[in-house]
Protein backbone atom coordinates (compact mmCIF):
# COMPACT_ATOMS: atom_id res chain seq x y z
CA PHE A 1 30.10 -174.97 66.01
CA SER A 2 27.18 -174.71 63.63
CA LEU A 3 23.70 -173.28 63.90
CA LEU A 4 20.69 -175.53 64.05
CA ASP A 5 18.81 -175.57 60.76
CA HIS A 6 16.45 -172.64 60.22
CA THR A 7 17.81 -170.58 63.15
CA GLY A 8 19.74 -167.89 61.33
CA ASN A 9 21.55 -169.78 58.60
CA LEU A 10 22.92 -167.69 55.73
CA THR A 11 22.79 -168.87 52.13
CA ARG A 12 24.21 -166.88 49.23
CA ARG A 13 22.91 -167.53 45.72
CA ASP A 14 23.23 -165.47 42.57
CA ASN A 15 24.30 -162.30 44.47
CA ILE A 16 21.38 -162.68 46.89
CA ASN A 17 21.82 -163.27 50.63
CA ILE A 18 19.11 -165.34 52.31
CA LEU A 19 18.75 -165.50 56.09
CA ASP A 20 16.75 -168.51 57.24
CA TYR A 21 14.96 -168.00 60.56
CA THR A 22 12.06 -170.27 59.62
CA TYR A 23 12.34 -172.50 62.69
CA ASP A 24 9.83 -170.32 64.53
CA ALA A 25 8.92 -166.73 65.32
CA SER A 26 8.63 -165.45 68.86
CA ILE A 27 8.60 -161.77 69.78
CA ASN A 28 12.29 -161.93 70.74
CA SER A 29 13.40 -163.94 67.71
CA VAL A 30 11.71 -161.54 65.30
CA THR A 31 13.41 -158.48 66.80
CA LYS A 32 16.81 -160.22 66.83
CA ALA A 33 16.35 -161.45 63.26
CA CYS A 34 15.43 -157.94 62.08
CA GLU A 35 18.58 -156.62 63.75
CA SER A 36 20.57 -159.26 61.85
CA LEU A 37 18.95 -158.20 58.58
CA ALA A 38 19.76 -154.54 59.28
CA GLN A 39 23.46 -155.45 59.60
CA PHE A 40 23.44 -156.28 55.88
CA LYS A 41 22.45 -152.72 54.87
CA PRO A 42 26.01 -151.61 53.99
CA PHE A 43 26.42 -154.63 51.71
CA SER A 44 22.97 -154.80 50.13
CA GLU A 45 21.05 -152.69 47.67
CA LYS A 46 17.74 -153.89 49.09
CA LEU A 47 16.65 -155.47 52.39
CA ILE A 48 13.55 -157.67 52.18
CA LEU A 49 11.70 -159.12 55.16
CA VAL A 50 9.37 -162.08 54.63
CA ILE A 51 7.43 -162.43 57.86
CA GLY A 52 4.59 -164.63 59.02
CA ASP A 53 2.52 -164.82 62.17
CA ILE A 54 4.26 -164.59 65.54
CA ARG A 55 3.92 -167.71 67.67
CA ASN A 56 2.71 -167.30 71.27
CA PRO A 57 2.07 -163.55 71.01
CA GLY A 58 0.36 -163.38 74.40
CA PRO A 59 -3.22 -162.43 75.22
CA ASP A 60 -3.34 -159.43 72.86
CA VAL A 61 -2.61 -161.09 69.51
CA ALA A 62 -3.63 -158.07 67.43
CA GLY A 63 -1.74 -155.61 69.63
CA THR A 64 1.43 -157.69 69.59
CA HIS A 65 1.43 -157.92 65.80
CA LEU A 66 0.69 -154.18 65.40
CA LYS A 67 3.54 -153.31 67.78
CA MET A 68 5.89 -155.55 65.84
CA GLY A 69 4.91 -153.54 62.78
CA TYR A 70 5.81 -150.34 64.63
CA TYR A 71 9.21 -151.84 65.49
CA ILE A 72 9.85 -152.94 61.90
CA ALA A 73 8.82 -149.49 60.61
CA ALA A 74 11.88 -148.06 62.37
CA GLN A 75 14.28 -150.58 60.80
CA PRO A 76 16.15 -149.86 57.54
CA ILE A 77 14.18 -152.55 55.68
CA ASP A 78 13.01 -151.68 52.16
CA VAL A 79 10.34 -154.32 51.47
CA VAL A 80 8.13 -156.23 53.92
CA LEU A 81 6.09 -159.17 52.67
CA THR A 82 3.69 -160.75 55.15
CA ILE A 83 1.87 -164.07 55.12
CA GLY A 84 -0.73 -165.20 57.61
CA GLU A 85 -3.83 -163.63 59.06
CA ASP A 86 -2.12 -162.11 62.10
CA ALA A 87 0.91 -160.97 60.10
CA ARG A 88 -1.39 -158.66 58.13
CA LEU A 89 -1.46 -156.59 61.31
CA ILE A 90 2.33 -156.28 61.18
CA GLY A 91 1.88 -154.69 57.76
CA GLU A 92 -0.81 -152.42 59.16
CA GLY A 93 1.51 -151.30 61.97
CA ILE A 94 4.21 -150.43 59.45
CA ARG A 95 1.77 -148.48 57.28
CA ARG A 96 0.57 -146.45 60.26
CA LEU A 97 4.07 -145.19 61.02
CA ASN A 98 5.96 -145.46 57.76
CA HIS A 99 3.48 -145.63 54.92
CA THR A 100 5.66 -143.97 52.29
CA GLN A 101 9.10 -145.32 53.19
CA LYS A 102 8.62 -149.07 52.79
CA ILE A 103 6.88 -151.35 50.36
CA VAL A 104 4.47 -153.50 52.38
CA GLU A 105 2.50 -156.31 50.77
CA CYS A 106 0.34 -159.00 52.40
CA SER A 107 -0.13 -162.45 50.87
CA GLY A 108 -2.76 -165.02 51.68
CA ASP A 109 -0.83 -168.03 50.42
CA ALA A 110 2.71 -169.23 49.68
CA PRO A 111 2.51 -169.13 45.84
CA THR A 112 1.40 -165.49 45.93
CA LEU A 113 4.13 -164.69 48.44
CA LEU A 114 6.78 -166.29 46.23
CA GLU A 115 5.51 -164.39 43.19
CA ARG A 116 5.65 -161.08 45.05
CA LEU A 117 9.09 -161.86 46.43
CA ALA A 118 10.40 -162.67 42.95
CA ALA A 119 9.11 -159.31 41.71
CA HIS A 120 11.16 -157.46 44.35
CA LEU A 121 14.41 -159.45 44.12
CA THR A 122 17.34 -157.63 42.59
CA PRO A 123 21.06 -158.42 42.59
CA ASN A 124 22.67 -157.65 45.94
CA SER A 125 19.42 -158.07 47.87
CA THR A 126 19.28 -159.65 51.32
CA VAL A 127 16.13 -161.55 52.25
CA LEU A 128 15.12 -162.67 55.74
CA PHE A 129 12.48 -165.37 56.23
CA ILE A 130 10.81 -165.67 59.65
CA GLY A 131 7.41 -166.87 60.82
CA SER A 132 5.51 -169.36 62.92
CA LYS A 133 6.31 -173.01 62.14
CA GLU A 134 2.70 -173.61 61.10
CA LEU A 135 3.24 -171.47 57.98
CA HIS A 136 6.04 -173.72 56.64
CA LEU A 137 8.06 -170.78 55.34
CA GLU A 138 11.00 -173.15 54.91
CA ASP A 139 9.12 -174.56 51.90
CA THR A 140 8.79 -171.09 50.37
CA LEU A 141 12.48 -170.47 51.03
CA GLN A 142 13.38 -173.74 49.28
CA ALA A 143 11.16 -172.78 46.32
CA LEU A 144 13.01 -169.46 46.10
CA LEU A 145 16.38 -171.23 46.11
CA LYS A 146 15.24 -173.47 43.24
CA MET A 147 13.94 -170.46 41.34
CA ILE A 148 17.17 -168.45 41.54
CA GLY A 149 19.43 -171.44 40.96
């Protein structure tokens, strides 16, 4: 048995764990992926979430993204990097509940996201990538893998 590509695959490079959930991001898949990331806390010095827009968020796009931020605020995640217009609201939701506990940064494009991610990476970090297919986060993940070797 093997997972389909981009649906929770784990890659380990240079003492960094990378969880690839870039296939898509629904409300349920984001919560499950965050739970997976949290399981790495005992083995990681830093948990980093790279999250994009949620696909099919329902009629209240802003509310859904804010509420996801509230959910993520309660998780033991150290750094949250968002990309996408709606994902900015995830960051806002986190700031409203947890403004001093987590680093939250929003990026408007993939090169900026990769630069910010590189600045936060340390040995024994675990990084989770998840977002709507339209954002092509798998390309950013591949760029990270090339960067770290």
